């Protein structure tokens, strides 16, 4: 059960949001879901994706998938990830992408709704391992607009890729701007 375009359009209309851009003509990619500062971000991301015709899988912390919402979140494309210890989520998602005909995985690289000084690099490693592009998307609460931006080549060095991401996100207004940290990876400083 995924959101239909009609339901997505209705949700966005009722909430006063619009969608910009078009889905890239690519069968597989990592979709950057940023900024992520509010619980509302998931609803807007799913609705915008459905309106654009993107069947999106997404990762969320495993505790979200407990009863009573667990079955619904899985039906909406959710994949639970246990962040309490080391796991193989990056390798598992990359392997699934390599074997799939079509797969779009949305990842909020901040990893939390709280301010983080660095983005988690899992999105970059998944894209590189699966040999797929990274597509930037946004939720701009200032303009009440969700949108999709460029597809970036995951073979780019981290510094180059993140410079493009910083430029892209510099004019986007999160719901809670104080919770949106710098657009950077820790490995850029190495």
N, C-alpha and C. Protein backbone atom coordinates (compact mmCIF):
# COMPACT_ATOMS: atom_id res chain seq x y z
N UNK A 1 0.85 -1.18 0.00
CA UNK A 1 0.00 0.00 0.00
C UNK A 1 0.89 1.25 0.00
N UNK A 2 0.93 1.93 -1.09
CA UNK A 2 1.64 3.20 -1.17
C UNK A 2 0.58 4.28 -1.38
N UNK A 3 0.96 5.51 -1.13
CA UNK A 3 0.03 6.60 -1.40
C UNK A 3 -0.21 6.71 -2.90
N UNK A 4 -1.46 6.88 -3.30
CA UNK A 4 -1.76 7.11 -4.71
C UNK A 4 -1.50 8.58 -5.03
N UNK A 5 -1.37 8.89 -6.30
CA UNK A 5 -1.16 10.29 -6.70
C UNK A 5 -2.34 11.17 -6.27
N UNK A 6 -3.54 10.63 -6.40
CA UNK A 6 -4.72 11.40 -6.02
C UNK A 6 -4.76 11.72 -4.54
N UNK A 7 -4.47 10.73 -3.70
CA UNK A 7 -4.44 10.95 -2.25
C UNK A 7 -3.31 11.92 -1.90
N UNK A 8 -2.15 11.74 -2.53
CA UNK A 8 -1.02 12.63 -2.27
C UNK A 8 -1.37 14.07 -2.65
N UNK A 9 -1.96 14.23 -3.81
CA UNK A 9 -2.35 15.57 -4.27
C UNK A 9 -3.33 16.21 -3.29
N UNK A 10 -4.30 15.42 -2.80
CA UNK A 10 -5.29 15.93 -1.84
C UNK A 10 -4.62 16.35 -0.53
N UNK A 11 -3.72 15.52 -0.01
CA UNK A 11 -3.02 15.85 1.23
C UNK A 11 -2.27 17.17 1.08
N UNK A 12 -1.53 17.30 0.00
CA UNK A 12 -0.74 18.51 -0.21
C UNK A 12 -1.63 19.73 -0.43
N UNK A 13 -2.73 19.56 -1.14
CA UNK A 13 -3.66 20.66 -1.38
C UNK A 13 -4.28 21.15 -0.07
N UNK A 14 -4.74 20.21 0.74
CA UNK A 14 -5.37 20.56 2.03
C UNK A 14 -4.38 21.29 2.94
N UNK A 15 -3.12 20.86 2.90
CA UNK A 15 -2.11 21.47 3.76
C UNK A 15 -1.44 22.68 3.14
N UNK A 16 -1.84 23.02 1.91
CA UNK A 16 -1.33 24.24 1.26
C UNK A 16 0.05 24.10 0.66
N UNK A 17 0.47 22.89 0.33
CA UNK A 17 1.79 22.66 -0.24
C UNK A 17 1.70 22.40 -1.72
N UNK A 18 2.83 22.63 -2.41
CA UNK A 18 2.93 22.29 -3.82
C UNK A 18 4.24 21.55 -4.06
N UNK A 19 4.33 20.93 -5.24
CA UNK A 19 5.51 20.14 -5.59
C UNK A 19 6.14 20.76 -6.83
N UNK A 20 7.48 20.87 -6.81
CA UNK A 20 8.23 21.39 -7.94
C UNK A 20 9.14 20.30 -8.50
N UNK A 21 9.36 20.35 -9.81
CA UNK A 21 10.29 19.44 -10.44
C UNK A 21 9.61 18.20 -10.99
N UNK A 22 10.42 17.34 -11.58
CA UNK A 22 9.95 16.07 -12.14
C UNK A 22 10.89 14.96 -11.69
N UNK A 23 10.33 13.77 -11.62
CA UNK A 23 11.15 12.61 -11.24
C UNK A 23 12.20 12.36 -12.32
N UNK A 24 13.41 12.06 -11.92
CA UNK A 24 14.45 11.79 -12.93
C UNK A 24 14.15 10.48 -13.66
N UNK A 25 14.51 10.39 -14.91
CA UNK A 25 14.26 9.16 -15.68
C UNK A 25 15.33 8.09 -15.40
N UNK A 26 15.45 7.75 -14.13
CA UNK A 26 16.47 6.81 -13.66
C UNK A 26 15.73 5.71 -12.88
N UNK A 27 16.10 4.46 -13.08
CA UNK A 27 15.42 3.36 -12.40
C UNK A 27 15.83 3.18 -10.94
N UNK A 28 17.07 3.55 -10.61
CA UNK A 28 17.57 3.33 -9.25
C UNK A 28 18.39 4.54 -8.81
N UNK A 29 18.12 5.01 -7.60
CA UNK A 29 18.92 6.09 -7.04
C UNK A 29 18.68 6.23 -5.55
N UNK A 30 19.62 6.92 -4.89
CA UNK A 30 19.48 7.29 -3.49
C UNK A 30 18.92 8.70 -3.47
N UNK A 31 17.82 8.88 -2.77
CA UNK A 31 17.14 10.16 -2.69
C UNK A 31 17.47 10.80 -1.34
N UNK A 32 18.06 11.97 -1.36
CA UNK A 32 18.39 12.68 -0.12
C UNK A 32 17.14 13.41 0.37
N UNK A 33 16.67 13.04 1.56
CA UNK A 33 15.49 13.66 2.17
C UNK A 33 15.98 14.68 3.20
N UNK A 34 16.08 15.92 2.77
CA UNK A 34 16.60 16.97 3.65
C UNK A 34 15.87 18.28 3.34
N UNK A 35 15.86 19.18 4.26
CA UNK A 35 16.24 19.02 5.65
C UNK A 35 15.21 18.17 6.42
N UNK A 36 15.67 17.55 7.49
CA UNK A 36 14.80 16.70 8.31
C UNK A 36 14.82 17.24 9.73
N UNK A 37 13.85 18.12 10.03
CA UNK A 37 13.80 18.75 11.36
C UNK A 37 12.47 18.55 12.07
N UNK A 38 11.53 17.84 11.44
CA UNK A 38 10.18 17.71 11.99
C UNK A 38 9.59 16.34 11.68
N UNK A 39 8.67 15.89 12.52
CA UNK A 39 7.95 14.65 12.25
C UNK A 39 7.09 14.78 11.00
N UNK A 40 6.71 15.98 10.61
CA UNK A 40 5.90 16.21 9.41
C UNK A 40 6.66 15.92 8.13
N UNK A 41 7.98 15.92 8.18
CA UNK A 41 8.79 15.73 6.98
C UNK A 41 8.47 14.43 6.26
N UNK A 42 8.23 13.36 7.00
CA UNK A 42 7.94 12.07 6.37
C UNK A 42 6.65 12.15 5.55
N UNK A 43 5.60 12.73 6.12
CA UNK A 43 4.33 12.84 5.39
C UNK A 43 4.52 13.65 4.11
N UNK A 44 5.19 14.78 4.19
CA UNK A 44 5.38 15.61 3.00
C UNK A 44 6.27 14.91 1.96
N UNK A 45 7.30 14.20 2.43
CA UNK A 45 8.18 13.48 1.51
C UNK A 45 7.41 12.37 0.79
N UNK A 46 6.62 11.60 1.52
CA UNK A 46 5.85 10.53 0.90
C UNK A 46 4.81 11.08 -0.08
N UNK A 47 4.12 12.15 0.32
CA UNK A 47 3.11 12.75 -0.56
C UNK A 47 3.74 13.34 -1.82
N UNK A 48 4.84 14.06 -1.66
CA UNK A 48 5.51 14.65 -2.83
C UNK A 48 6.03 13.55 -3.75
N UNK A 49 6.61 12.51 -3.19
CA UNK A 49 7.10 11.40 -4.01
C UNK A 49 5.97 10.74 -4.78
N UNK A 50 4.85 10.50 -4.11
CA UNK A 50 3.71 9.88 -4.78
C UNK A 50 3.18 10.77 -5.90
N UNK A 51 3.10 12.08 -5.65
CA UNK A 51 2.62 12.99 -6.69
C UNK A 51 3.56 13.00 -7.89
N UNK A 52 4.85 12.81 -7.65
CA UNK A 52 5.83 12.78 -8.74
C UNK A 52 5.92 11.39 -9.39
N UNK A 53 5.20 10.43 -8.83
CA UNK A 53 5.23 9.08 -9.37
C UNK A 53 6.44 8.28 -8.95
N UNK A 54 7.05 8.64 -7.83
CA UNK A 54 8.23 7.95 -7.32
C UNK A 54 7.78 6.96 -6.24
N UNK A 55 8.06 5.70 -6.46
CA UNK A 55 7.76 4.66 -5.46
C UNK A 55 8.99 4.58 -4.55
N UNK A 56 8.88 5.19 -3.39
CA UNK A 56 10.02 5.39 -2.52
C UNK A 56 10.04 4.42 -1.35
N UNK A 57 11.19 3.80 -1.16
CA UNK A 57 11.46 3.08 0.08
C UNK A 57 12.21 4.07 0.97
N UNK A 58 12.09 3.92 2.26
CA UNK A 58 12.76 4.84 3.17
C UNK A 58 13.18 4.12 4.43
N UNK A 59 14.23 4.63 5.05
CA UNK A 59 14.75 4.02 6.27
C UNK A 59 14.35 4.87 7.47
N UNK A 60 13.98 4.19 8.54
CA UNK A 60 13.63 4.87 9.78
C UNK A 60 14.11 4.05 10.97
N UNK A 61 14.24 4.71 12.11
CA UNK A 61 14.72 3.96 13.28
C UNK A 61 13.72 2.87 13.64
N UNK A 62 14.24 1.74 14.04
CA UNK A 62 13.43 0.54 14.26
C UNK A 62 12.31 0.74 15.28
N UNK A 63 12.49 1.64 16.23
CA UNK A 63 11.47 1.83 17.26
C UNK A 63 10.18 2.43 16.68
N UNK A 64 10.24 3.06 15.52
CA UNK A 64 9.04 3.59 14.88
C UNK A 64 8.13 2.48 14.37
N UNK A 65 8.68 1.29 14.16
CA UNK A 65 7.97 0.21 13.49
C UNK A 65 7.28 -0.75 14.46
N UNK A 66 7.10 -0.32 15.69
CA UNK A 66 6.37 -1.13 16.66
C UNK A 66 4.87 -0.95 16.46
N UNK A 67 4.10 -1.84 17.07
CA UNK A 67 2.65 -1.74 17.03
C UNK A 67 2.23 -0.43 17.68
N UNK A 68 1.29 0.30 17.20
CA UNK A 68 0.32 -0.02 16.17
C UNK A 68 0.69 0.48 14.77
N UNK A 69 1.78 1.26 14.63
CA UNK A 69 2.09 1.86 13.34
C UNK A 69 3.01 1.03 12.45
N UNK A 70 3.64 0.00 12.99
CA UNK A 70 4.65 -0.75 12.25
C UNK A 70 4.19 -1.27 10.90
N UNK A 71 3.05 -1.92 10.86
CA UNK A 71 2.56 -2.49 9.60
C UNK A 71 2.27 -1.39 8.58
N UNK A 72 1.68 -0.29 9.03
CA UNK A 72 1.37 0.82 8.13
C UNK A 72 2.66 1.43 7.57
N UNK A 73 3.65 1.66 8.42
CA UNK A 73 4.90 2.27 7.97
C UNK A 73 5.63 1.37 6.96
N UNK A 74 5.60 0.06 7.20
CA UNK A 74 6.21 -0.87 6.23
C UNK A 74 5.46 -0.82 4.90
N UNK A 75 4.13 -0.78 4.98
CA UNK A 75 3.32 -0.71 3.75
C UNK A 75 3.58 0.57 2.97
N UNK A 76 3.99 1.62 3.66
CA UNK A 76 4.30 2.89 3.01
C UNK A 76 5.76 2.95 2.53
N UNK A 77 6.46 1.81 2.59
CA UNK A 77 7.83 1.74 2.07
C UNK A 77 8.91 1.78 3.12
N UNK A 78 8.52 1.79 4.41
CA UNK A 78 9.50 1.90 5.48
C UNK A 78 10.34 0.65 5.68
N UNK A 79 11.61 0.86 5.96
CA UNK A 79 12.56 -0.21 6.28
C UNK A 79 13.15 0.12 7.65
N UNK A 80 12.87 -0.71 8.67
CA UNK A 80 13.42 -0.41 10.00
C UNK A 80 14.93 -0.62 10.06
N UNK A 81 15.62 0.31 10.72
CA UNK A 81 17.07 0.23 10.90
C UNK A 81 17.37 0.37 12.38
N UNK A 82 18.09 -0.61 12.93
CA UNK A 82 18.48 -0.57 14.33
C UNK A 82 19.78 0.22 14.44
N UNK A 83 19.70 1.38 15.09
CA UNK A 83 20.88 2.25 15.18
C UNK A 83 21.61 2.11 16.51
N UNK A 84 21.23 1.09 17.33
CA UNK A 84 21.85 0.96 18.65
C UNK A 84 23.23 0.34 18.61
N UNK A 85 23.59 -0.30 17.54
CA UNK A 85 24.90 -0.92 17.46
C UNK A 85 25.33 -1.06 16.01
N UNK A 86 26.50 -1.62 15.80
CA UNK A 86 26.96 -1.79 14.42
C UNK A 86 26.04 -2.75 13.67
N UNK A 87 25.73 -2.39 12.45
CA UNK A 87 24.89 -3.28 11.64
C UNK A 87 25.32 -3.17 10.19
N UNK A 88 24.69 -3.92 9.38
CA UNK A 88 25.05 -3.99 7.97
C UNK A 88 24.03 -3.30 7.08
N UNK A 89 23.36 -2.27 7.57
CA UNK A 89 22.30 -1.62 6.80
C UNK A 89 22.82 -1.10 5.46
N UNK A 90 23.98 -0.47 5.45
CA UNK A 90 24.54 0.07 4.21
C UNK A 90 24.75 -1.04 3.19
N UNK A 91 25.39 -2.12 3.59
CA UNK A 91 25.64 -3.23 2.70
C UNK A 91 24.37 -3.92 2.23
N UNK A 92 23.40 -4.06 3.14
CA UNK A 92 22.15 -4.71 2.78
C UNK A 92 21.35 -3.87 1.77
N UNK A 93 21.27 -2.58 1.99
CA UNK A 93 20.52 -1.71 1.07
C UNK A 93 21.24 -1.65 -0.28
N UNK A 94 22.57 -1.54 -0.26
CA UNK A 94 23.33 -1.49 -1.52
C UNK A 94 23.14 -2.79 -2.31
N UNK A 95 23.18 -3.93 -1.63
CA UNK A 95 22.98 -5.22 -2.31
C UNK A 95 21.57 -5.31 -2.88
N UNK A 96 20.57 -4.85 -2.12
CA UNK A 96 19.19 -4.87 -2.62
C UNK A 96 19.07 -4.01 -3.87
N UNK A 97 19.75 -2.86 -3.88
CA UNK A 97 19.70 -1.97 -5.05
C UNK A 97 20.38 -2.60 -6.26
N UNK A 98 21.49 -3.27 -6.03
CA UNK A 98 22.21 -3.91 -7.14
C UNK A 98 21.34 -4.96 -7.83
N UNK A 99 20.52 -5.67 -7.06
CA UNK A 99 19.71 -6.76 -7.60
C UNK A 99 18.33 -6.33 -8.07
N UNK A 100 17.91 -5.13 -7.73
CA UNK A 100 16.56 -4.67 -8.10
C UNK A 100 16.56 -4.08 -9.51
N UNK A 101 15.43 -4.21 -10.18
CA UNK A 101 15.24 -3.55 -11.48
C UNK A 101 15.01 -2.06 -11.28
N UNK A 102 14.21 -1.74 -10.25
CA UNK A 102 13.88 -0.36 -9.90
C UNK A 102 13.92 -0.24 -8.39
N UNK A 103 14.57 0.81 -7.89
CA UNK A 103 14.55 1.05 -6.44
C UNK A 103 15.00 2.48 -6.16
N UNK A 104 14.19 3.15 -5.40
CA UNK A 104 14.53 4.48 -4.91
C UNK A 104 14.48 4.41 -3.40
N UNK A 105 15.59 4.71 -2.75
CA UNK A 105 15.65 4.70 -1.29
C UNK A 105 15.87 6.12 -0.81
N UNK A 106 14.93 6.62 0.00
CA UNK A 106 15.04 7.96 0.58
C UNK A 106 15.77 7.86 1.92
N UNK A 107 16.78 8.69 2.07
CA UNK A 107 17.57 8.67 3.29
C UNK A 107 17.71 10.09 3.82
N UNK A 108 17.31 10.33 5.08
CA UNK A 108 17.60 11.62 5.70
C UNK A 108 19.02 11.58 6.27
N UNK A 109 19.98 12.19 5.60
CA UNK A 109 21.38 12.04 6.00
C UNK A 109 21.73 12.66 7.34
N UNK A 110 20.84 13.51 7.85
CA UNK A 110 21.10 14.07 9.18
C UNK A 110 20.96 12.99 10.25
N UNK A 111 20.14 11.98 9.95
CA UNK A 111 19.96 10.85 10.86
C UNK A 111 19.12 11.15 12.07
N UNK A 112 18.66 12.35 12.22
CA UNK A 112 17.88 12.75 13.39
C UNK A 112 17.16 14.05 13.08
N UNK A 113 16.15 14.36 13.88
CA UNK A 113 15.47 15.65 13.71
C UNK A 113 16.16 16.74 14.52
N UNK A 114 17.13 16.36 15.32
CA UNK A 114 17.89 17.33 16.11
C UNK A 114 19.07 17.82 15.27
N UNK A 115 19.63 18.93 15.68
CA UNK A 115 20.79 19.48 14.97
C UNK A 115 21.96 18.50 15.07
N UNK A 116 22.60 18.31 13.94
CA UNK A 116 23.78 17.45 13.87
C UNK A 116 24.86 18.23 13.14
N UNK A 117 26.07 18.15 13.62
CA UNK A 117 27.17 18.89 12.99
C UNK A 117 27.67 18.24 11.71
N UNK A 118 27.32 16.97 11.51
CA UNK A 118 27.73 16.25 10.31
C UNK A 118 26.58 15.39 9.80
N UNK A 119 26.48 15.23 8.50
CA UNK A 119 25.57 14.26 7.92
C UNK A 119 26.19 12.88 8.07
N UNK A 120 25.37 11.88 8.23
CA UNK A 120 25.85 10.50 8.22
C UNK A 120 26.16 10.13 6.78
N UNK A 121 27.23 9.39 6.58
CA UNK A 121 27.71 9.13 5.22
C UNK A 121 27.11 7.88 4.58
N UNK A 122 26.18 7.21 5.24
CA UNK A 122 25.60 5.98 4.70
C UNK A 122 25.01 6.16 3.31
N UNK A 123 24.35 7.29 3.05
CA UNK A 123 23.75 7.54 1.73
C UNK A 123 24.82 7.50 0.64
N UNK A 124 25.98 8.08 0.93
CA UNK A 124 27.08 8.16 -0.02
C UNK A 124 27.65 6.76 -0.30
N UNK A 125 27.84 5.99 0.77
CA UNK A 125 28.39 4.63 0.62
C UNK A 125 27.41 3.70 -0.08
N UNK A 126 26.11 3.83 0.22
CA UNK A 126 25.10 3.02 -0.47
C UNK A 126 25.14 3.32 -1.96
N UNK A 127 25.11 4.60 -2.30
CA UNK A 127 25.10 5.00 -3.71
C UNK A 127 26.36 4.53 -4.44
N UNK A 128 27.51 4.67 -3.80
CA UNK A 128 28.76 4.22 -4.43
C UNK A 128 28.77 2.71 -4.62
N UNK A 129 28.37 1.97 -3.58
CA UNK A 129 28.38 0.51 -3.66
C UNK A 129 27.39 -0.01 -4.69
N UNK A 130 26.22 0.63 -4.76
CA UNK A 130 25.19 0.20 -5.70
C UNK A 130 25.39 0.80 -7.09
N UNK A 131 26.35 1.71 -7.21
CA UNK A 131 26.66 2.38 -8.48
C UNK A 131 25.43 3.11 -9.03
N UNK A 132 24.81 3.91 -8.15
CA UNK A 132 23.62 4.68 -8.53
C UNK A 132 23.85 6.15 -8.18
N UNK A 133 23.11 7.05 -8.84
CA UNK A 133 23.25 8.47 -8.52
C UNK A 133 22.57 8.84 -7.20
N UNK A 134 22.88 10.03 -6.75
CA UNK A 134 22.28 10.61 -5.55
C UNK A 134 21.42 11.78 -6.02
N UNK A 135 20.14 11.76 -5.69
CA UNK A 135 19.22 12.81 -6.11
C UNK A 135 18.85 13.66 -4.90
N UNK A 136 19.03 14.96 -5.02
CA UNK A 136 18.72 15.89 -3.93
C UNK A 136 17.25 16.28 -3.98
N UNK A 137 16.60 16.25 -2.83
CA UNK A 137 15.21 16.72 -2.73
C UNK A 137 15.15 17.69 -1.55
N UNK A 138 14.02 18.38 -1.43
CA UNK A 138 13.90 19.35 -0.35
C UNK A 138 12.46 19.52 0.09
N UNK A 139 12.35 19.98 1.33
CA UNK A 139 11.09 20.45 1.89
C UNK A 139 11.36 21.88 2.35
N UNK A 140 10.79 22.84 1.64
CA UNK A 140 11.00 24.25 1.96
C UNK A 140 9.75 24.77 2.66
N UNK A 141 9.80 24.85 3.98
CA UNK A 141 8.66 25.29 4.76
C UNK A 141 8.38 26.77 4.57
N UNK A 142 9.38 27.54 4.18
CA UNK A 142 9.19 28.97 3.93
C UNK A 142 8.25 29.21 2.76
N UNK A 143 8.36 28.37 1.73
CA UNK A 143 7.52 28.51 0.54
C UNK A 143 6.42 27.45 0.49
N UNK A 144 6.37 26.56 1.50
CA UNK A 144 5.43 25.43 1.53
C UNK A 144 5.52 24.66 0.21
N UNK A 145 6.73 24.21 -0.06
CA UNK A 145 7.02 23.57 -1.34
C UNK A 145 7.97 22.39 -1.13
N UNK A 146 7.63 21.27 -1.74
CA UNK A 146 8.52 20.11 -1.79
C UNK A 146 9.05 20.02 -3.20
N UNK A 147 10.30 19.63 -3.34
CA UNK A 147 10.84 19.58 -4.70
C UNK A 147 11.97 18.60 -4.86
N UNK A 148 12.30 18.41 -6.11
CA UNK A 148 13.36 17.48 -6.46
C UNK A 148 14.39 18.24 -7.29
N UNK A 149 15.63 18.00 -6.98
CA UNK A 149 16.71 18.71 -7.65
C UNK A 149 17.54 17.80 -8.52
N UNK A 150 18.82 18.11 -8.62
CA UNK A 150 19.67 17.39 -9.56
C UNK A 150 20.06 15.99 -9.07
N UNK A 151 20.42 15.17 -10.04
CA UNK A 151 21.02 13.86 -9.76
C UNK A 151 22.53 14.05 -9.81
N UNK A 152 23.21 13.65 -8.75
CA UNK A 152 24.66 13.80 -8.67
C UNK A 152 25.33 12.43 -8.83
N UNK A 153 26.45 12.42 -9.49
CA UNK A 153 27.20 11.20 -9.72
C UNK A 153 27.87 10.77 -8.41
N UNK A 154 27.53 9.58 -7.92
CA UNK A 154 28.08 9.12 -6.64
C UNK A 154 29.56 8.79 -6.72
N UNK A 155 30.13 8.80 -7.92
CA UNK A 155 31.58 8.56 -8.06
C UNK A 155 32.38 9.83 -7.76
N UNK A 156 31.69 10.97 -7.62
CA UNK A 156 32.39 12.21 -7.29
C UNK A 156 33.06 12.09 -5.93
N UNK A 157 34.20 12.73 -5.75
CA UNK A 157 34.80 12.77 -4.41
C UNK A 157 33.82 13.43 -3.43
N UNK A 158 33.87 13.01 -2.19
CA UNK A 158 32.95 13.52 -1.17
C UNK A 158 32.96 15.04 -1.11
N UNK A 159 34.14 15.66 -1.18
CA UNK A 159 34.22 17.13 -1.10
C UNK A 159 33.47 17.80 -2.23
N UNK A 160 33.57 17.27 -3.43
CA UNK A 160 32.91 17.84 -4.60
C UNK A 160 31.39 17.65 -4.49
N UNK A 161 30.98 16.44 -4.17
CA UNK A 161 29.56 16.14 -4.05
C UNK A 161 28.91 17.01 -2.97
N UNK A 162 29.57 17.11 -1.83
CA UNK A 162 28.99 17.89 -0.73
C UNK A 162 29.01 19.39 -1.01
N UNK A 163 29.96 19.88 -1.78
CA UNK A 163 29.94 21.29 -2.18
C UNK A 163 28.70 21.58 -3.02
N UNK A 164 28.34 20.66 -3.90
CA UNK A 164 27.13 20.81 -4.71
C UNK A 164 25.90 20.76 -3.82
N UNK A 165 25.89 19.86 -2.83
CA UNK A 165 24.75 19.75 -1.91
C UNK A 165 24.62 21.03 -1.07
N UNK A 166 25.73 21.56 -0.58
CA UNK A 166 25.67 22.80 0.21
C UNK A 166 25.07 23.94 -0.60
N UNK A 167 25.50 24.06 -1.84
CA UNK A 167 24.98 25.11 -2.70
C UNK A 167 23.47 24.93 -2.91
N UNK A 168 23.05 23.70 -3.13
CA UNK A 168 21.64 23.40 -3.38
C UNK A 168 20.77 23.75 -2.16
N UNK A 169 21.20 23.40 -0.97
CA UNK A 169 20.38 23.56 0.23
C UNK A 169 20.48 24.94 0.89
N UNK A 170 21.35 25.82 0.40
CA UNK A 170 21.56 27.09 1.09
C UNK A 170 20.34 28.01 1.12
N UNK A 171 19.40 27.84 0.20
CA UNK A 171 18.21 28.71 0.18
C UNK A 171 16.95 28.02 0.68
N UNK A 172 17.07 26.79 1.17
CA UNK A 172 15.91 26.02 1.64
C UNK A 172 15.65 26.33 3.11
N UNK A 173 14.38 26.55 3.46
CA UNK A 173 14.00 26.86 4.84
C UNK A 173 13.36 25.65 5.50
N UNK A 174 14.05 25.03 6.49
CA UNK A 174 13.46 23.90 7.21
C UNK A 174 12.34 24.37 8.13
N UNK A 175 11.53 23.44 8.63
CA UNK A 175 10.49 23.81 9.59
C UNK A 175 11.13 24.44 10.82
N UNK A 176 12.20 23.85 11.31
CA UNK A 176 12.93 24.38 12.47
C UNK A 176 14.37 24.66 12.05
N UNK A 177 14.65 25.87 11.57
CA UNK A 177 16.00 26.18 11.05
C UNK A 177 17.12 25.94 12.05
N UNK A 178 16.88 26.12 13.34
CA UNK A 178 17.93 25.90 14.33
C UNK A 178 18.32 24.43 14.47
N UNK A 179 17.50 23.52 13.95
CA UNK A 179 17.79 22.09 14.00
C UNK A 179 18.53 21.58 12.75
N UNK A 180 18.65 22.42 11.73
CA UNK A 180 19.30 22.01 10.49
C UNK A 180 20.77 22.40 10.57
N UNK A 181 21.61 21.41 10.77
CA UNK A 181 23.04 21.67 10.91
C UNK A 181 23.73 21.84 9.56
N UNK A 182 25.03 21.94 9.59
CA UNK A 182 25.80 22.12 8.35
C UNK A 182 25.64 20.92 7.40
N UNK A 183 25.66 21.22 6.13
CA UNK A 183 25.60 20.18 5.10
C UNK A 183 27.04 19.77 4.83
N UNK A 184 27.49 18.75 5.58
CA UNK A 184 28.87 18.29 5.43
C UNK A 184 29.00 16.88 5.99
N UNK A 185 30.02 16.20 5.52
CA UNK A 185 30.37 14.88 6.02
C UNK A 185 31.65 14.99 6.84
N UNK A 186 31.76 14.16 7.84
CA UNK A 186 32.97 14.16 8.65
C UNK A 186 34.20 13.82 7.80
N UNK A 187 34.02 12.91 6.82
CA UNK A 187 35.15 12.48 5.99
C UNK A 187 35.67 13.58 5.06
N UNK A 188 34.93 14.67 4.89
CA UNK A 188 35.43 15.78 4.09
C UNK A 188 36.65 16.42 4.73
N UNK A 189 36.74 16.32 6.04
CA UNK A 189 37.80 16.99 6.78
C UNK A 189 39.06 16.15 6.90
N UNK A 190 39.00 14.94 6.37
CA UNK A 190 40.16 14.02 6.47
C UNK A 190 41.16 14.33 5.37
